[in-house]
């Protein structure tokens, strides 16, 4: 394995971990909203959950690649704690949307590094196929994040 390939895979993994944490945090914030005046939009919640699931699938696929994906010292990404229930819904929505935007950016970075890794493995069909599967999971996560962000915040139907 070339050092450049391993670096791209490790970077993909690091950005995927960040995206999972941001998306999961946004989902938790969104779920903390009270039902008043309106309940949160369940479609938006499902999009966020789909994004977390797809990112987790990509993460697990990266970890299953046939070489060491660990950084010499794995990065630790900290997030601000979830706010207390006393915050109003609009504040929670703004925090949630901000974290989804960050998750989308990190997912996009993961896709870019995964594409670079795919280009470096054109001669290895098996590894190239695994990386292509990872890229598809990342693309599905990005699409879910964008769709969730574009959904209305509350269930008005």
N, C-alpha and C. Protein backbone atom coordinates (compact mmCIF):
# COMPACT_ATOMS: atom_id res chain seq x y z
N UNK A 1 0.83 -1.18 0.00
CA UNK A 1 0.00 0.00 0.00
C UNK A 1 0.88 1.25 0.00
N UNK A 2 0.51 2.19 -0.81
CA UNK A 2 1.26 3.43 -0.84
C UNK A 2 0.89 4.28 0.36
N UNK A 3 1.83 5.08 0.79
CA UNK A 3 1.59 5.97 1.93
C UNK A 3 0.48 6.97 1.61
N UNK A 4 0.41 7.39 0.36
CA UNK A 4 -0.61 8.35 -0.05
C UNK A 4 -2.01 7.75 0.06
N UNK A 5 -2.15 6.49 -0.34
CA UNK A 5 -3.44 5.80 -0.23
C UNK A 5 -3.86 5.68 1.23
N UNK A 6 -2.96 5.23 2.08
CA UNK A 6 -3.27 5.06 3.50
C UNK A 6 -3.65 6.40 4.13
N UNK A 7 -2.94 7.45 3.76
CA UNK A 7 -3.25 8.79 4.29
C UNK A 7 -4.65 9.23 3.87
N UNK A 8 -5.00 9.00 2.61
CA UNK A 8 -6.34 9.37 2.14
C UNK A 8 -7.43 8.58 2.87
N UNK A 9 -7.18 7.29 3.10
CA UNK A 9 -8.16 6.47 3.82
C UNK A 9 -8.29 6.93 5.26
N UNK A 10 -7.17 7.19 5.90
CA UNK A 10 -7.22 7.66 7.29
C UNK A 10 -7.93 9.00 7.41
N UNK A 11 -7.70 9.87 6.45
CA UNK A 11 -8.37 11.18 6.46
C UNK A 11 -9.86 11.01 6.22
N UNK A 12 -10.22 10.11 5.31
CA UNK A 12 -11.65 9.80 5.09
C UNK A 12 -12.28 9.32 6.38
N UNK A 13 -11.59 8.45 7.08
CA UNK A 13 -12.10 7.92 8.34
C UNK A 13 -12.28 9.03 9.38
N UNK A 14 -11.29 9.90 9.50
CA UNK A 14 -11.37 10.99 10.49
C UNK A 14 -12.54 11.92 10.19
N UNK A 15 -12.72 12.30 8.93
CA UNK A 15 -13.83 13.18 8.58
C UNK A 15 -15.18 12.47 8.75
N UNK A 16 -15.21 11.17 8.48
CA UNK A 16 -16.44 10.41 8.68
C UNK A 16 -16.83 10.37 10.15
N UNK A 17 -15.84 10.18 11.02
CA UNK A 17 -16.10 10.19 12.46
C UNK A 17 -16.65 11.55 12.89
N UNK A 18 -16.05 12.61 12.39
CA UNK A 18 -16.56 13.94 12.72
C UNK A 18 -17.99 14.12 12.23
N UNK A 19 -18.27 13.68 11.01
CA UNK A 19 -19.62 13.83 10.46
C UNK A 19 -20.63 13.04 11.28
N UNK A 20 -20.26 11.84 11.72
CA UNK A 20 -21.17 11.05 12.56
C UNK A 20 -21.48 11.80 13.84
N UNK A 21 -20.46 12.34 14.46
CA UNK A 21 -20.67 13.04 15.73
C UNK A 21 -21.53 14.28 15.57
N UNK A 22 -21.29 15.05 14.50
CA UNK A 22 -22.11 16.24 14.26
C UNK A 22 -23.56 15.85 13.95
N UNK A 23 -23.76 14.86 13.10
CA UNK A 23 -25.11 14.45 12.72
C UNK A 23 -25.86 13.86 13.92
N UNK A 24 -25.17 13.05 14.70
CA UNK A 24 -25.80 12.45 15.88
C UNK A 24 -26.17 13.52 16.90
N UNK A 25 -25.30 14.50 17.07
CA UNK A 25 -25.58 15.60 17.99
C UNK A 25 -26.77 16.43 17.50
N UNK A 26 -26.84 16.68 16.20
CA UNK A 26 -27.96 17.43 15.64
C UNK A 26 -29.26 16.67 15.82
N UNK A 27 -29.23 15.37 15.62
CA UNK A 27 -30.42 14.55 15.82
C UNK A 27 -30.87 14.62 17.28
N UNK A 28 -29.93 14.52 18.19
CA UNK A 28 -30.28 14.59 19.62
C UNK A 28 -30.88 15.94 19.97
N UNK A 29 -30.32 17.01 19.43
CA UNK A 29 -30.88 18.35 19.68
C UNK A 29 -32.30 18.45 19.14
N UNK A 30 -32.48 17.94 17.94
CA UNK A 30 -33.80 18.03 17.33
C UNK A 30 -34.82 17.23 18.12
N UNK A 31 -34.41 16.08 18.64
CA UNK A 31 -35.33 15.25 19.43
C UNK A 31 -35.64 15.86 20.79
N UNK A 32 -34.81 16.79 21.27
CA UNK A 32 -35.05 17.43 22.56
C UNK A 32 -36.15 18.48 22.50
N UNK A 33 -36.56 18.85 21.30
CA UNK A 33 -37.60 19.88 21.20
C UNK A 33 -38.89 19.37 21.82
N UNK A 34 -39.53 20.23 22.54
CA UNK A 34 -40.83 19.86 23.12
C UNK A 34 -41.88 19.86 22.02
N UNK A 35 -43.02 19.29 22.30
CA UNK A 35 -44.09 19.18 21.31
C UNK A 35 -44.88 20.48 21.16
N UNK A 36 -44.50 21.51 21.87
CA UNK A 36 -45.25 22.75 21.81
C UNK A 36 -44.45 23.83 21.11
N UNK A 37 -44.98 24.60 20.22
CA UNK A 37 -46.37 24.60 19.80
C UNK A 37 -46.68 23.47 18.81
N UNK A 38 -45.69 22.98 18.09
CA UNK A 38 -45.91 21.88 17.15
C UNK A 38 -44.82 20.82 17.36
N UNK A 39 -45.14 19.56 17.08
CA UNK A 39 -44.10 18.52 17.21
C UNK A 39 -43.08 18.63 16.08
N UNK A 40 -41.84 18.17 16.33
CA UNK A 40 -40.84 18.19 15.27
C UNK A 40 -41.27 17.31 14.10
N UNK A 41 -40.83 17.66 12.92
CA UNK A 41 -41.16 16.95 11.69
C UNK A 41 -40.52 15.56 11.70
N UNK A 42 -41.32 14.49 11.69
CA UNK A 42 -40.75 13.14 11.74
C UNK A 42 -39.96 12.77 10.49
N UNK A 43 -40.28 13.41 9.36
CA UNK A 43 -39.52 13.14 8.13
C UNK A 43 -38.10 13.68 8.27
N UNK A 44 -37.98 14.87 8.86
CA UNK A 44 -36.66 15.46 9.09
C UNK A 44 -35.85 14.57 10.03
N UNK A 45 -36.50 14.09 11.08
CA UNK A 45 -35.83 13.19 12.02
C UNK A 45 -35.35 11.93 11.31
N UNK A 46 -36.18 11.38 10.42
CA UNK A 46 -35.79 10.17 9.69
C UNK A 46 -34.61 10.43 8.77
N UNK A 47 -34.58 11.58 8.10
CA UNK A 47 -33.44 11.91 7.25
C UNK A 47 -32.15 11.97 8.08
N UNK A 48 -32.22 12.60 9.24
CA UNK A 48 -31.03 12.69 10.10
C UNK A 48 -30.59 11.31 10.57
N UNK A 49 -31.56 10.45 10.92
CA UNK A 49 -31.22 9.10 11.34
C UNK A 49 -30.61 8.31 10.19
N UNK A 50 -31.15 8.48 8.98
CA UNK A 50 -30.59 7.81 7.80
C UNK A 50 -29.15 8.27 7.55
N UNK A 51 -28.90 9.55 7.75
CA UNK A 51 -27.54 10.07 7.57
C UNK A 51 -26.58 9.43 8.57
N UNK A 52 -26.99 9.36 9.83
CA UNK A 52 -26.14 8.73 10.85
C UNK A 52 -25.89 7.27 10.49
N UNK A 53 -26.94 6.57 10.05
CA UNK A 53 -26.80 5.15 9.69
C UNK A 53 -25.85 4.97 8.51
N UNK A 54 -25.98 5.80 7.47
CA UNK A 54 -25.10 5.69 6.31
C UNK A 54 -23.66 6.04 6.65
N UNK A 55 -23.47 7.05 7.47
CA UNK A 55 -22.12 7.41 7.89
C UNK A 55 -21.50 6.29 8.73
N UNK A 56 -22.30 5.68 9.58
CA UNK A 56 -21.81 4.57 10.41
C UNK A 56 -21.44 3.38 9.53
N UNK A 57 -22.26 3.13 8.52
CA UNK A 57 -21.96 2.05 7.57
C UNK A 57 -20.64 2.31 6.85
N UNK A 58 -20.43 3.56 6.43
CA UNK A 58 -19.16 3.91 5.78
C UNK A 58 -17.99 3.74 6.76
N UNK A 59 -18.18 4.18 7.99
CA UNK A 59 -17.14 4.04 9.02
C UNK A 59 -16.75 2.58 9.21
N UNK A 60 -17.74 1.72 9.35
CA UNK A 60 -17.46 0.29 9.57
C UNK A 60 -16.78 -0.32 8.34
N UNK A 61 -17.18 0.10 7.15
CA UNK A 61 -16.54 -0.41 5.93
C UNK A 61 -15.08 0.04 5.85
N UNK A 62 -14.81 1.26 6.25
CA UNK A 62 -13.42 1.75 6.26
C UNK A 62 -12.59 0.95 7.25
N UNK A 63 -13.17 0.69 8.42
CA UNK A 63 -12.44 -0.07 9.44
C UNK A 63 -12.17 -1.51 8.99
N UNK A 64 -12.98 -2.04 8.05
CA UNK A 64 -12.80 -3.40 7.54
C UNK A 64 -11.81 -3.50 6.38
N UNK A 65 -11.28 -2.38 5.94
CA UNK A 65 -10.31 -2.43 4.84
C UNK A 65 -9.07 -3.22 5.27
N UNK A 66 -8.38 -3.84 4.32
CA UNK A 66 -7.29 -4.77 4.67
C UNK A 66 -5.96 -4.11 5.05
N UNK A 67 -6.01 -2.98 5.71
CA UNK A 67 -4.78 -2.37 6.22
C UNK A 67 -5.12 -1.48 7.41
N UNK A 68 -4.10 -1.04 8.09
CA UNK A 68 -4.27 -0.26 9.31
C UNK A 68 -4.85 1.11 8.99
N UNK A 69 -6.03 1.40 9.54
CA UNK A 69 -6.68 2.69 9.30
C UNK A 69 -6.52 3.66 10.46
N UNK A 70 -5.77 3.25 11.48
CA UNK A 70 -5.61 4.13 12.65
C UNK A 70 -4.56 5.20 12.40
N UNK A 71 -4.85 6.38 12.89
CA UNK A 71 -3.83 7.43 12.93
C UNK A 71 -2.80 7.04 13.98
N UNK A 72 -1.57 7.54 13.87
CA UNK A 72 -0.60 7.27 14.94
C UNK A 72 -1.17 7.63 16.31
N UNK A 73 -1.90 8.73 16.38
CA UNK A 73 -2.70 8.99 17.58
C UNK A 73 -4.06 9.42 17.06
N UNK A 74 -5.06 8.58 17.28
CA UNK A 74 -6.39 8.86 16.74
C UNK A 74 -6.89 10.21 17.24
N UNK A 75 -7.47 11.00 16.33
CA UNK A 75 -7.96 12.32 16.73
C UNK A 75 -9.17 12.22 17.64
N UNK A 76 -9.27 13.14 18.56
CA UNK A 76 -10.42 13.22 19.45
C UNK A 76 -11.16 14.49 19.07
N UNK A 77 -12.41 14.33 18.70
CA UNK A 77 -13.22 15.46 18.28
C UNK A 77 -14.26 15.73 19.36
N UNK A 78 -14.20 16.90 19.93
CA UNK A 78 -15.15 17.22 20.99
C UNK A 78 -16.27 18.09 20.43
N UNK A 79 -17.43 17.91 20.98
CA UNK A 79 -18.59 18.73 20.62
C UNK A 79 -19.08 19.44 21.85
N UNK A 80 -19.73 20.56 21.62
CA UNK A 80 -20.36 21.24 22.74
C UNK A 80 -21.46 20.34 23.28
N UNK A 81 -21.68 20.35 24.58
CA UNK A 81 -22.71 19.47 25.14
C UNK A 81 -24.10 19.87 24.65
N UNK A 82 -24.99 18.91 24.73
CA UNK A 82 -26.38 19.19 24.38
C UNK A 82 -26.92 20.21 25.37
N UNK A 83 -27.69 21.17 24.86
CA UNK A 83 -28.20 22.22 25.73
C UNK A 83 -29.34 21.69 26.58
N UNK A 84 -29.65 22.40 27.63
CA UNK A 84 -30.69 21.95 28.55
C UNK A 84 -32.07 22.13 27.92
N UNK A 85 -33.05 21.48 28.49
CA UNK A 85 -34.42 21.55 28.00
C UNK A 85 -35.00 22.96 28.08
N UNK A 86 -34.39 23.83 28.84
CA UNK A 86 -34.96 25.16 29.03
C UNK A 86 -34.80 26.06 27.80
N UNK A 87 -34.03 25.62 26.82
CA UNK A 87 -33.85 26.42 25.61
C UNK A 87 -35.12 26.36 24.76
N UNK A 88 -35.38 27.44 24.03
CA UNK A 88 -36.56 27.43 23.18
C UNK A 88 -36.32 26.62 21.90
N UNK A 89 -37.40 26.26 21.24
CA UNK A 89 -37.31 25.41 20.06
C UNK A 89 -36.48 26.04 18.95
N UNK A 90 -36.62 27.34 18.74
CA UNK A 90 -35.87 27.97 17.65
C UNK A 90 -34.38 27.89 17.91
N UNK A 91 -33.97 28.03 19.15
CA UNK A 91 -32.55 27.90 19.51
C UNK A 91 -32.06 26.49 19.21
N UNK A 92 -32.86 25.48 19.56
CA UNK A 92 -32.48 24.09 19.30
C UNK A 92 -32.42 23.82 17.79
N UNK A 93 -33.36 24.38 17.05
CA UNK A 93 -33.36 24.20 15.59
C UNK A 93 -32.10 24.83 15.00
N UNK A 94 -31.75 26.03 15.44
CA UNK A 94 -30.55 26.69 14.92
C UNK A 94 -29.31 25.88 15.22
N UNK A 95 -29.20 25.36 16.44
CA UNK A 95 -28.05 24.53 16.80
C UNK A 95 -28.02 23.25 15.97
N UNK A 96 -29.19 22.65 15.79
CA UNK A 96 -29.29 21.42 15.01
C UNK A 96 -28.88 21.68 13.56
N UNK A 97 -29.42 22.73 12.96
CA UNK A 97 -29.10 23.04 11.57
C UNK A 97 -27.61 23.36 11.40
N UNK A 98 -27.03 24.04 12.39
CA UNK A 98 -25.61 24.34 12.33
C UNK A 98 -24.79 23.04 12.33
N UNK A 99 -25.16 22.10 13.18
CA UNK A 99 -24.43 20.84 13.25
C UNK A 99 -24.64 20.00 12.01
N UNK A 100 -25.83 20.06 11.42
CA UNK A 100 -26.06 19.34 10.17
C UNK A 100 -25.21 19.96 9.06
N UNK A 101 -25.08 21.27 9.06
CA UNK A 101 -24.20 21.92 8.07
C UNK A 101 -22.76 21.46 8.25
N UNK A 102 -22.31 21.38 9.49
CA UNK A 102 -20.95 20.89 9.76
C UNK A 102 -20.81 19.42 9.34
N UNK A 103 -21.83 18.62 9.61
CA UNK A 103 -21.80 17.20 9.21
C UNK A 103 -21.75 17.09 7.69
N UNK A 104 -22.50 17.95 7.01
CA UNK A 104 -22.49 17.94 5.54
C UNK A 104 -21.11 18.30 5.01
N UNK A 105 -20.47 19.31 5.59
CA UNK A 105 -19.13 19.70 5.17
C UNK A 105 -18.12 18.57 5.38
N UNK A 106 -18.18 17.93 6.54
CA UNK A 106 -17.25 16.83 6.83
C UNK A 106 -17.52 15.63 5.93
N UNK A 107 -18.79 15.38 5.62
CA UNK A 107 -19.12 14.29 4.71
C UNK A 107 -18.59 14.59 3.31
N UNK A 108 -18.72 15.82 2.88
CA UNK A 108 -18.18 16.22 1.57
C UNK A 108 -16.66 16.04 1.54
N UNK A 109 -15.99 16.41 2.62
CA UNK A 109 -14.53 16.20 2.70
C UNK A 109 -14.20 14.71 2.64
N UNK A 110 -14.99 13.88 3.32
CA UNK A 110 -14.79 12.43 3.29
C UNK A 110 -14.93 11.89 1.86
N UNK A 111 -15.95 12.38 1.16
CA UNK A 111 -16.18 11.95 -0.23
C UNK A 111 -14.97 12.30 -1.10
N UNK A 112 -14.46 13.51 -0.93
CA UNK A 112 -13.32 13.94 -1.74
C UNK A 112 -12.09 13.07 -1.49
N UNK A 113 -11.80 12.77 -0.23
CA UNK A 113 -10.64 11.94 0.07
C UNK A 113 -10.86 10.49 -0.37
N UNK A 114 -12.09 10.04 -0.30
CA UNK A 114 -12.40 8.69 -0.77
C UNK A 114 -12.22 8.60 -2.29
N UNK A 115 -12.62 9.63 -3.01
CA UNK A 115 -12.42 9.67 -4.46
C UNK A 115 -10.93 9.61 -4.81
N UNK A 116 -10.11 10.33 -4.05
CA UNK A 116 -8.67 10.26 -4.28
C UNK A 116 -8.15 8.85 -4.05
N UNK A 117 -8.64 8.20 -3.00
CA UNK A 117 -8.22 6.82 -2.72
C UNK A 117 -8.67 5.88 -3.83
N UNK A 118 -9.87 6.09 -4.35
CA UNK A 118 -10.37 5.26 -5.46
C UNK A 118 -9.45 5.39 -6.67
N UNK A 119 -9.03 6.60 -6.97
CA UNK A 119 -8.13 6.82 -8.10
C UNK A 119 -6.80 6.09 -7.90
N UNK A 120 -6.35 6.00 -6.66
CA UNK A 120 -5.07 5.34 -6.38
C UNK A 120 -5.17 3.82 -6.40
N UNK A 121 -6.38 3.27 -6.44
CA UNK A 121 -6.55 1.81 -6.40
C UNK A 121 -7.15 1.26 -7.69
N UNK A 122 -6.99 1.97 -8.78
CA UNK A 122 -7.58 1.50 -10.04
C UNK A 122 -7.06 0.13 -10.46
N UNK A 123 -5.86 -0.24 -10.06
CA UNK A 123 -5.29 -1.53 -10.45
C UNK A 123 -5.70 -2.66 -9.50
N UNK A 124 -6.31 -2.37 -8.38
CA UNK A 124 -6.73 -3.37 -7.40
C UNK A 124 -8.26 -3.38 -7.36
N UNK A 125 -8.87 -4.32 -8.12
CA UNK A 125 -10.34 -4.34 -8.25
C UNK A 125 -11.06 -4.50 -6.92
N UNK A 126 -10.56 -5.37 -6.07
CA UNK A 126 -11.24 -5.65 -4.80
C UNK A 126 -11.26 -4.40 -3.91
N UNK A 127 -10.10 -3.81 -3.71
CA UNK A 127 -10.01 -2.62 -2.88
C UNK A 127 -10.76 -1.45 -3.51
N UNK A 128 -10.68 -1.34 -4.82
CA UNK A 128 -11.40 -0.29 -5.53
C UNK A 128 -12.91 -0.44 -5.32
N UNK A 129 -13.40 -1.67 -5.36
CA UNK A 129 -14.82 -1.93 -5.13
C UNK A 129 -15.24 -1.59 -3.71
N UNK A 130 -14.40 -1.93 -2.73
CA UNK A 130 -14.70 -1.60 -1.34
C UNK A 130 -14.78 -0.09 -1.15
N UNK A 131 -13.84 0.62 -1.75
CA UNK A 131 -13.83 2.08 -1.63
C UNK A 131 -15.03 2.70 -2.35
N UNK A 132 -15.43 2.09 -3.47
CA UNK A 132 -16.61 2.59 -4.17
C UNK A 132 -17.86 2.43 -3.31
N UNK A 133 -17.97 1.30 -2.60
CA UNK A 133 -19.09 1.07 -1.69
C UNK A 133 -19.10 2.13 -0.57
N UNK A 134 -17.92 2.42 -0.04
CA UNK A 134 -17.79 3.45 1.02
C UNK A 134 -18.26 4.81 0.48
N UNK A 135 -17.83 5.11 -0.75
CA UNK A 135 -18.23 6.38 -1.36
C UNK A 135 -19.75 6.45 -1.52
N UNK A 136 -20.38 5.34 -1.93
CA UNK A 136 -21.83 5.33 -2.07
C UNK A 136 -22.53 5.60 -0.73
N UNK A 137 -22.00 5.02 0.35
CA UNK A 137 -22.57 5.27 1.67
C UNK A 137 -22.42 6.73 2.06
N UNK A 138 -21.27 7.30 1.75
CA UNK A 138 -21.04 8.71 2.06
C UNK A 138 -21.96 9.62 1.23
N UNK A 139 -22.15 9.27 -0.05
CA UNK A 139 -23.05 10.05 -0.89
C UNK A 139 -24.49 9.97 -0.38
N UNK A 140 -24.92 8.78 0.05
CA UNK A 140 -26.27 8.63 0.60
C UNK A 140 -26.42 9.45 1.87
N UNK A 141 -25.37 9.47 2.70
CA UNK A 141 -25.41 10.27 3.93
C UNK A 141 -25.53 11.76 3.60
N UNK A 142 -24.72 12.21 2.64
CA UNK A 142 -24.78 13.62 2.26
C UNK A 142 -26.17 13.99 1.74
N UNK A 143 -26.75 13.13 0.90
CA UNK A 143 -28.08 13.41 0.37
C UNK A 143 -29.12 13.47 1.49
N UNK A 144 -29.02 12.58 2.46
CA UNK A 144 -29.96 12.58 3.59
C UNK A 144 -29.79 13.85 4.43
N UNK A 145 -28.55 14.27 4.64
CA UNK A 145 -28.31 15.49 5.42
C UNK A 145 -28.91 16.71 4.73
N UNK A 146 -28.68 16.82 3.43
CA UNK A 146 -29.22 17.96 2.67
C UNK A 146 -30.74 17.91 2.65
N UNK A 147 -31.31 16.73 2.43
CA UNK A 147 -32.77 16.61 2.41
C UNK A 147 -33.37 16.96 3.77
N UNK A 148 -32.72 16.50 4.83
CA UNK A 148 -33.20 16.82 6.18
C UNK A 148 -33.15 18.30 6.46
N UNK A 149 -32.08 18.93 6.03
CA UNK A 149 -31.94 20.37 6.25
C UNK A 149 -33.00 21.16 5.50
N UNK A 150 -33.41 20.63 4.34
CA UNK A 150 -34.41 21.33 3.52
C UNK A 150 -35.85 21.06 3.94
N UNK A 151 -36.07 20.07 4.80
CA UNK A 151 -37.41 19.78 5.29
C UNK A 151 -37.85 20.85 6.29
N UNK A 152 -39.17 21.10 6.38
CA UNK A 152 -39.65 22.04 7.40
C UNK A 152 -39.36 21.48 8.80
N UNK A 153 -39.19 22.36 9.76
CA UNK A 153 -38.80 21.96 11.11
C UNK A 153 -39.93 21.27 11.88
N UNK A 154 -41.16 21.68 11.63
CA UNK A 154 -42.27 21.16 12.42
C UNK A 154 -43.25 20.39 11.55
N UNK A 155 -43.96 19.46 12.20
CA UNK A 155 -44.98 18.68 11.54
C UNK A 155 -46.26 19.51 11.51
N UNK A 156 -46.56 20.09 10.36
CA UNK A 156 -47.71 20.96 10.25
C UNK A 156 -48.90 20.27 9.61
N UNK A 157 -48.73 19.00 9.25
CA UNK A 157 -49.78 18.30 8.53
C UNK A 157 -50.70 17.63 9.40
